[in-house]
Amino acid sequence: MVIRQKRALITGITGQDGPYLAQLLLEKGYKVYGTYRRSSTPNFWRLQQLRLIKKVTLIPADLSDMASLLEAVAVTDPHEIYNLAAHSFVGSSFDQPLYTAEVDGSSSTRFLEIIRHLNRDIKFYQASTSELYGANMNAPQNELTPMIPNSPYAAAKLYSYNMTRIYRASYGIFAANGILFNHESPLRGIEFVTRKISNSVAKIKLGLQSELRLGNLDAKRDWGYAPDYVRAMWMMLQDSKPDDYVVATGETHTVREFAQEAFNALGMNWKDYVIEDKRLHRPMEVPLLCGSARKIEKTLGWKPKVKFKQLAHIMVQADHDRWTQYLHGKIFPWDAPNYSHEMDIISRNPAREGYHGNKVRDGAFLKKLRGL
């Protein structure tokens, strides 16, 4: 009897979760395909850093274009589709609400329609988010907690969440929602607060930066480790019955605590460097997110392996190693050098966690580079 190799299609394979998921699936013997959005500067550094660029097959596609998605599915004939691609930075969704609705909201329906008409045996994973809970302060949040979105990003994701549920019930499609709480890693984009912190801590330690400006230090999040969470995605599609699951650590920590732990990792006192900047607060903040993963633990046996303190240390050490290599003249794929330190970016709202409408000149950084 010939056992066919399983095939998986991952949208957003160039993001944080995509490469970790691709790595997991490759280890399990899958043939892995990934879609990416064609742009003037393709963003493949994460795949390159994990040495996966030659192990996966890349397909250009756009979540807003039905034809390109149909072609991607028809060409790959996948057993499983993981829809991870999204306009995923909450702050910028206030600047681009219509684009966010089109990409984060409608893309799931496009895939579900393709599956319904092309092959109903395809299993579908939809990347949902803890941001769905928004203004709901009841914690810990689980699969039955009412969802009150607090951003265009969360509102669009709620549409995808419900459409996945509806197609599962209406057409018998194996479709699962993973309601993932915040999960971070060294592959996180610098626009996200955890990576902004880890990257800045590393630069401060090496004398490349003098301070770290953050928004709401009291915002509370349930932070986990991305490789743990992609394992949960895969487990959802291996069960005999599709369902929706919260994936979380069950621990809540503030941005202040993350900064404190990050500076501790390199032997520094966060109070000497962190400045809270009101201009970096979101128009509508989500004050508290804490998830209960009891259902997925009981049903699928998933548990997180990496917790808060270890996560912060992993991220800081990775950024410190990168900047150290960079200063020694080594060339390798990563994102930080692509972010300008002489910026004049104007936003009509203060939602950007990491950018504001003033010029930022980091003299120490520029002096260091000129001396290389």
Protein backbone atom coordinates (compact mmCIF):
# COMPACT_ATOMS: atom_id res chain seq x y z
CA MET A 1 0.00 0.00 0.00
CA VAL A 2 1.40 3.37 -1.06
CA ILE A 3 1.13 6.12 1.56
CA ARG A 4 0.75 9.52 -0.11
CA GLN A 5 2.79 12.38 1.26
CA LYS A 6 0.58 14.92 2.99
CA ARG A 7 0.52 18.40 1.50
CA ALA A 8 -0.12 21.65 3.33
CA LEU A 9 -0.72 25.17 2.05
CA ILE A 10 0.24 27.98 4.44
CA THR A 11 -0.83 31.54 3.74
CA GLY A 12 1.38 34.15 5.33
CA ILE A 13 4.38 31.85 5.32
CA THR A 14 6.69 34.87 5.52
CA GLY A 15 5.20 36.08 8.81
CA GLN A 16 6.14 35.01 12.32
CA ASP A 17 4.07 31.82 12.60
CA GLY A 18 4.40 30.58 9.01
CA PRO A 19 8.07 29.57 9.14
CA TYR A 20 7.67 27.82 12.51
CA LEU A 21 4.64 25.93 11.19
CA ALA A 22 6.47 25.04 7.98
CA GLN A 23 9.38 23.74 10.04
CA LEU A 24 7.05 21.57 12.12
CA LEU A 25 5.24 20.17 9.09
CA LEU A 26 8.49 19.41 7.27
CA GLU A 27 9.69 17.49 10.30
CA LYS A 28 6.49 15.46 10.09
CA GLY A 29 7.09 14.60 6.44
CA TYR A 30 4.72 17.06 4.74
CA LYS A 31 5.22 18.71 1.38
CA VAL A 32 4.85 22.38 2.28
CA TYR A 33 3.61 25.19 0.05
CA GLY A 34 3.35 28.80 1.11
CA THR A 35 1.74 31.89 -0.34
CA TYR A 36 3.35 35.29 -0.19
CA ARG A 37 2.22 38.70 -1.34
CA ARG A 38 4.23 39.91 -4.30
CA SER A 39 5.93 43.21 -3.50
CA SER A 40 8.91 45.30 -4.55
CA THR A 41 10.92 43.91 -1.63
CA PRO A 42 9.96 40.28 -0.84
CA ASN A 43 10.17 39.58 2.87
CA PHE A 44 11.81 36.17 3.12
CA TRP A 45 14.23 36.78 5.99
CA ARG A 46 12.38 34.55 8.46
CA LEU A 47 12.39 31.57 6.10
CA GLN A 48 16.05 32.22 5.38
CA GLN A 49 16.91 32.47 9.07
CA LEU A 50 15.34 29.06 9.76
CA ARG A 51 17.00 27.72 6.58
CA LEU A 52 13.68 26.79 5.03
CA ILE A 53 13.76 28.87 1.86
CA LYS A 54 14.81 25.89 -0.30
CA LYS A 55 12.60 23.40 1.52
CA VAL A 56 9.22 24.99 0.79
CA THR A 57 7.51 25.88 -2.48
CA LEU A 58 6.44 29.52 -2.66
CA ILE A 59 3.40 30.74 -4.57
CA PRO A 60 2.53 34.43 -5.11
CA ALA A 61 -1.05 35.16 -4.08
CA ASP A 62 -3.15 37.96 -2.68
CA LEU A 63 -5.84 37.37 -0.05
CA SER A 64 -8.06 39.96 -1.72
CA ASP A 65 -7.85 38.21 -5.11
CA MET A 66 -10.08 35.15 -5.43
CA ALA A 67 -8.44 34.00 -8.66
CA SER A 68 -4.95 33.81 -7.16
CA LEU A 69 -6.23 31.88 -4.14
CA LEU A 70 -8.12 29.44 -6.35
CA GLU A 71 -5.00 28.87 -8.43
CA ALA A 72 -2.89 28.29 -5.30
CA VAL A 73 -5.30 25.64 -4.04
CA ALA A 74 -5.75 24.00 -7.45
CA VAL A 75 -1.99 23.79 -8.07
CA THR A 76 -1.06 22.44 -4.64
CA ASP A 77 -4.06 20.14 -4.06
CA PRO A 78 -3.50 20.36 -0.29
CA HIS A 79 -4.80 18.10 2.44
CA GLU A 80 -4.65 21.02 4.87
CA ILE A 81 -4.84 24.82 4.52
CA TYR A 82 -3.55 27.06 7.29
CA ASN A 83 -4.81 30.62 6.79
CA LEU A 84 -2.26 32.63 8.76
CA ALA A 85 -1.88 35.64 6.48
CA ALA A 86 -3.35 38.89 7.74
CA HIS A 87 -2.87 42.59 8.11
CA SER A 88 -1.93 41.75 11.68
CA PHE A 89 -0.67 44.91 13.39
CA VAL A 90 -3.59 46.15 15.50
CA GLY A 91 -2.42 49.76 15.64
CA SER A 92 -2.20 50.25 11.88
CA SER A 93 -5.66 48.73 11.37
CA PHE A 94 -7.02 52.07 12.57
CA ASP A 95 -5.14 53.74 9.70
CA GLN A 96 -6.31 51.16 7.13
CA PRO A 97 -9.71 49.86 8.31
CA LEU A 98 -11.09 49.04 4.84
CA TYR A 99 -7.97 47.17 3.75
CA THR A 100 -7.99 45.30 7.05
CA ALA A 101 -11.63 44.31 6.54
CA GLU A 102 -10.92 43.06 3.03
CA VAL A 103 -7.83 41.01 3.92
CA ASP A 104 -8.51 39.84 7.47
CA GLY A 105 -12.26 39.51 7.10
CA SER A 106 -13.06 38.25 3.61
CA SER A 107 -10.08 35.99 2.91
CA SER A 108 -11.41 33.16 5.04
CA THR A 109 -14.69 33.16 3.13
CA ARG A 110 -12.82 32.99 -0.16
CA PHE A 111 -10.95 29.89 0.99
CA LEU A 112 -14.08 28.30 2.41
CA GLU A 113 -15.91 28.85 -0.88
CA ILE A 114 -13.00 27.31 -2.78
CA ILE A 115 -13.07 24.28 -0.49
CA ARG A 116 -16.85 24.00 -0.78
CA HIS A 117 -16.75 23.92 -4.58
CA LEU A 118 -13.38 22.28 -5.24
CA ASN A 119 -12.73 19.67 -2.56
CA ARG A 120 -14.60 19.37 0.73
CA ASP A 121 -12.03 16.93 2.08
CA ILE A 122 -9.51 19.76 2.58
CA LYS A 123 -9.07 20.64 6.25
CA PHE A 124 -9.03 24.37 7.00
CA TYR A 125 -7.41 26.24 9.90
CA GLN A 126 -8.37 29.87 10.51
CA ALA A 127 -6.03 31.99 12.61
CA SER A 128 -8.24 33.79 15.09
CA THR A 129 -7.02 36.07 17.84
CA SER A 130 -7.52 36.98 21.48
CA GLU A 131 -8.19 40.54 20.27
CA LEU A 132 -11.73 39.27 19.56
CA TYR A 133 -12.52 39.65 23.26
CA GLY A 134 -11.58 43.33 23.23
CA ALA A 135 -13.59 45.23 25.80
CA ASN A 136 -14.70 42.10 27.66
CA MET A 137 -12.89 42.26 30.99
CA ASN A 138 -14.05 38.84 32.23
CA ALA A 139 -10.95 36.70 32.64
CA PRO A 140 -9.77 34.14 31.97
CA GLN A 141 -11.39 34.19 28.55
CA ASN A 142 -12.44 30.91 26.96
CA GLU A 143 -14.37 29.65 23.94
CA LEU A 144 -17.71 30.76 25.47
CA THR A 145 -16.66 34.26 26.53
CA PRO A 146 -18.61 36.96 24.61
CA MET A 147 -16.50 38.76 22.02
CA ILE A 148 -16.47 42.58 21.92
CA PRO A 149 -13.89 43.71 19.32
CA ASN A 150 -12.02 46.92 20.10
CA SER A 151 -10.23 47.54 16.79
CA PRO A 152 -10.81 47.23 13.02
CA TYR A 153 -8.41 44.28 13.11
CA ALA A 154 -10.45 42.45 15.75
CA ALA A 155 -13.74 43.25 14.00
CA ALA A 156 -12.45 41.79 10.72
CA LYS A 157 -11.12 38.72 12.50
CA LEU A 158 -14.48 38.20 14.19
CA TYR A 159 -16.12 38.00 10.76
CA SER A 160 -13.63 35.32 9.71
CA TYR A 161 -14.14 33.46 12.97
CA ASN A 162 -17.92 33.33 12.46
CA MET A 163 -17.74 32.42 8.77
CA THR A 164 -15.45 29.50 9.61
CA ARG A 165 -17.96 28.34 12.20
CA ILE A 166 -20.89 28.78 9.79
CA TYR A 167 -19.28 26.85 6.92
CA ARG A 168 -18.38 24.03 9.28
CA ALA A 169 -21.97 23.71 10.46
CA SER A 170 -23.63 24.36 7.10
CA TYR A 171 -21.47 22.36 4.69
CA GLY A 172 -19.70 19.80 6.86
CA ILE A 173 -16.26 21.28 6.10
CA PHE A 174 -13.47 20.41 8.51
CA ALA A 175 -12.81 23.99 9.61
CA ALA A 176 -11.26 25.00 12.93
CA ASN A 177 -10.62 28.35 14.60
CA GLY A 178 -7.53 28.77 16.71
CA ILE A 179 -8.17 31.64 19.13
CA LEU A 180 -4.52 32.30 19.81
CA PHE A 181 -3.52 34.69 22.54
CA ASN A 182 -0.37 36.78 22.09
CA HIS A 183 2.53 34.60 21.05
CA GLU A 184 6.02 35.93 20.45
CA SER A 185 9.46 34.82 19.28
CA PRO A 186 12.71 36.14 17.81
CA LEU A 187 10.86 36.17 14.45
CA ARG A 188 8.30 38.72 15.69
CA GLY A 189 8.19 41.98 13.74
CA ILE A 190 9.74 45.03 15.40
CA GLU A 191 6.43 46.90 15.17
CA PHE A 192 5.08 44.61 17.90
CA VAL A 193 5.80 45.75 21.43
CA THR A 194 7.60 42.61 22.66
CA ARG A 195 10.10 42.63 19.80
CA LYS A 196 10.41 46.40 20.02
CA ILE A 197 11.44 45.88 23.64
CA SER A 198 13.85 42.97 23.04
CA ASN A 199 15.50 44.74 20.10
CA SER A 200 15.87 47.98 22.05
CA VAL A 201 17.26 46.25 25.13
CA ALA A 202 19.93 44.58 22.99
CA LYS A 203 20.88 47.88 21.35
CA ILE A 204 21.00 49.72 24.68
CA LYS A 205 23.30 47.04 26.08
CA LEU A 206 25.64 47.49 23.10
CA GLY A 207 25.58 51.30 23.27
CA LEU A 208 23.53 51.71 20.09
CA GLN A 209 20.48 53.26 21.76
CA SER A 210 19.94 55.40 24.84
CA GLU A 211 16.26 54.99 25.75
CA LEU A 212 13.09 53.01 25.05
CA ARG A 213 9.76 54.79 24.56
CA LEU A 214 6.64 52.71 25.10
CA GLY A 215 2.88 53.29 25.16
CA ASN A 216 0.59 51.91 27.83
CA LEU A 217 2.81 50.10 30.33
CA ASP A 218 -0.21 48.75 32.22
CA ALA A 219 -1.73 46.82 29.29
CA LYS A 220 -1.99 43.17 30.32
CA ARG A 221 -1.40 40.28 27.96
CA ASP A 222 -1.14 36.50 27.98
CA TRP A 223 2.18 35.94 26.20
CA GLY A 224 3.29 32.56 24.84
CA TYR A 225 5.97 31.18 22.54
CA ALA A 226 5.14 30.95 18.82
CA PRO A 227 6.65 27.47 18.18
CA ASP A 228 4.38 26.11 20.95
CA TYR A 229 1.35 27.70 19.33
CA VAL A 230 1.91 26.40 15.79
CA ARG A 231 2.03 22.93 17.32
CA ALA A 232 -1.51 23.61 18.57
CA MET A 233 -2.61 24.60 15.05
CA TRP A 234 -1.41 21.30 13.63
CA MET A 235 -3.03 19.30 16.43
CA MET A 236 -6.42 20.90 15.70
CA LEU A 237 -6.39 19.53 12.16
CA GLN A 238 -5.35 16.03 13.25
CA ASP A 239 -8.37 15.45 15.47
CA SER A 240 -11.37 13.50 14.21
CA LYS A 241 -13.73 16.42 14.82
CA PRO A 242 -13.23 20.11 13.92
CA ASP A 243 -13.76 22.64 16.68
CA ASP A 244 -12.65 26.03 18.01
CA TYR A 245 -9.94 26.30 20.65
CA VAL A 246 -8.36 28.96 22.83
CA VAL A 247 -4.56 28.64 22.88
CA ALA A 248 -2.96 30.46 25.80
CA THR A 249 -0.66 30.12 28.81
CA GLY A 250 -3.21 31.26 31.41
CA GLU A 251 -0.73 33.81 32.77
CA THR A 252 -1.14 37.58 32.47
CA HIS A 253 1.71 40.09 32.56
CA THR A 254 1.91 43.82 31.86
CA VAL A 255 4.06 45.52 29.25
CA ARG A 256 5.98 46.93 32.20
CA GLU A 257 6.74 43.41 33.43
CA PHE A 258 7.91 42.33 30.00
CA ALA A 259 10.25 45.33 29.82
CA GLN A 260 11.53 44.60 33.32
CA GLU A 261 12.24 40.95 32.51
CA ALA A 262 13.87 41.86 29.20
CA PHE A 263 16.29 44.29 30.82
CA ASN A 264 16.96 41.77 33.61
CA ALA A 265 18.05 39.28 30.95
CA LEU A 266 21.07 41.47 30.18
CA GLY A 267 21.68 42.70 33.73
CA MET A 268 20.10 46.17 33.43
CA ASN A 269 17.46 48.11 35.37
CA TRP A 270 14.51 48.94 33.12
CA LYS A 271 13.73 52.11 35.09
CA ASP A 272 16.95 53.69 33.83
CA TYR A 273 15.86 53.51 30.19
CA VAL A 274 12.07 53.19 29.74
CA ILE A 275 9.91 56.25 29.11
CA GLU A 276 6.11 56.00 28.86
CA ASP A 277 4.92 58.12 25.94
CA LYS A 278 1.21 58.96 25.87
CA ARG A 279 1.41 59.54 22.11
CA LEU A 280 1.95 55.82 21.63
CA HIS A 281 -1.31 54.77 23.28
CA ARG A 282 -3.97 53.20 21.04
CA PRO A 283 -7.26 55.04 20.40
CA MET A 284 -9.04 52.10 22.07
CA GLU A 285 -6.85 49.97 24.30
CA VAL A 286 -7.57 46.34 25.16
CA PRO A 287 -6.79 46.45 28.88
CA LEU A 288 -6.71 42.76 29.79
CA LEU A 289 -6.25 39.50 27.91
CA CYS A 290 -5.85 36.19 29.74
CA GLY A 291 -6.84 32.89 28.16
CA SER A 292 -8.01 29.56 29.48
CA ALA A 293 -6.63 26.66 27.43
CA ARG A 294 -8.48 23.98 29.42
CA LYS A 295 -10.46 22.79 26.41
CA ILE A 296 -7.47 22.15 24.13
CA GLU A 297 -5.49 20.66 27.01
CA LYS A 298 -8.32 18.24 27.81
CA THR A 299 -9.34 17.42 24.22
CA LEU A 300 -6.05 17.44 22.31
CA GLY A 301 -3.46 17.24 25.07
CA TRP A 302 -1.73 20.51 24.17
CA LYS A 303 0.20 22.48 26.78
CA PRO A 304 2.69 25.35 26.43
CA LYS A 305 6.32 24.43 27.06
CA VAL A 306 7.76 27.96 27.29
CA LYS A 307 6.43 30.50 29.80
CA PHE A 308 6.81 34.24 30.30
CA LYS A 309 10.28 34.67 31.83
CA GLN A 310 11.95 32.21 29.47
CA LEU A 311 10.20 33.81 26.49
CA ALA A 312 11.55 37.28 27.32
CA HIS A 313 15.06 35.90 27.77
CA ILE A 314 14.92 33.96 24.46
CA MET A 315 13.92 37.09 22.54
CA VAL A 316 16.45 39.42 24.15
CA GLN A 317 19.31 36.98 23.73
CA ALA A 318 18.45 36.45 20.07
CA ASP A 319 18.46 40.20 19.36
CA HIS A 320 21.65 40.71 21.34
CA ASP A 321 23.35 37.95 19.34
CA ARG A 322 22.15 39.49 16.07
CA TRP A 323 23.40 42.98 16.86
CA THR A 324 26.71 41.60 18.08
CA GLN A 325 27.19 39.69 14.82
CA TYR A 326 26.13 42.75 12.84
CA LEU A 327 28.70 44.96 14.57
CA HIS A 328 31.36 42.38 13.73
CA GLY A 329 30.50 42.72 10.05
CA LYS A 330 28.63 39.46 9.57
CA ILE A 331 25.88 39.32 6.94
CA PHE A 332 22.77 37.29 7.68
CA PRO A 333 18.99 37.57 7.13
CA TRP A 334 17.08 39.66 9.67
CA ASP A 335 14.88 42.74 9.82
CA ALA A 336 16.27 45.34 12.24
CA PRO A 337 18.73 47.15 9.91
CA ASN A 338 15.85 47.84 7.51
CA TYR A 339 14.15 50.10 10.05
CA SER A 340 15.30 53.69 9.66
CA HIS A 341 16.49 55.57 12.74
CA GLU A 342 15.94 58.96 11.11
CA MET A 343 12.18 58.93 10.73
CA ASP A 344 9.55 61.58 10.18
CA ILE A 345 6.39 59.49 10.11
CA ILE A 346 3.07 61.23 10.62
CA SER A 347 -0.01 59.31 11.73
CA ARG A 348 -3.47 60.73 12.21
CA ASN A 349 -3.77 58.68 15.38
CA PRO A 350 -1.38 57.55 18.10
CA ALA A 351 -2.06 53.88 17.53
CA ARG A 352 1.35 52.92 16.24
CA GLU A 353 3.27 51.10 18.94
CA GLY A 354 6.73 52.17 17.91
CA TYR A 355 6.26 55.20 15.66
CA HIS A 356 5.06 58.74 16.17
CA GLY A 357 4.95 62.05 14.35
CA ASN A 358 8.27 63.43 15.61
CA LYS A 359 11.69 63.00 14.09
CA VAL A 360 13.66 60.30 15.86
CA ARG A 361 17.41 60.70 15.73
CA ASP A 362 19.42 58.15 17.60
CA GLY A 363 22.81 59.79 17.63
CA ALA A 364 24.56 56.92 19.39
CA PHE A 365 23.37 54.48 16.76
CA LEU A 366 24.43 56.67 13.82
CA LYS A 367 27.81 57.43 15.41
CA LYS A 368 28.42 53.72 15.96
CA LEU A 369 27.58 52.85 12.36
CA ARG A 370 29.76 55.63 10.94
CA GLY A 371 32.65 54.26 12.96
CA LEU A 372 32.38 50.74 11.52
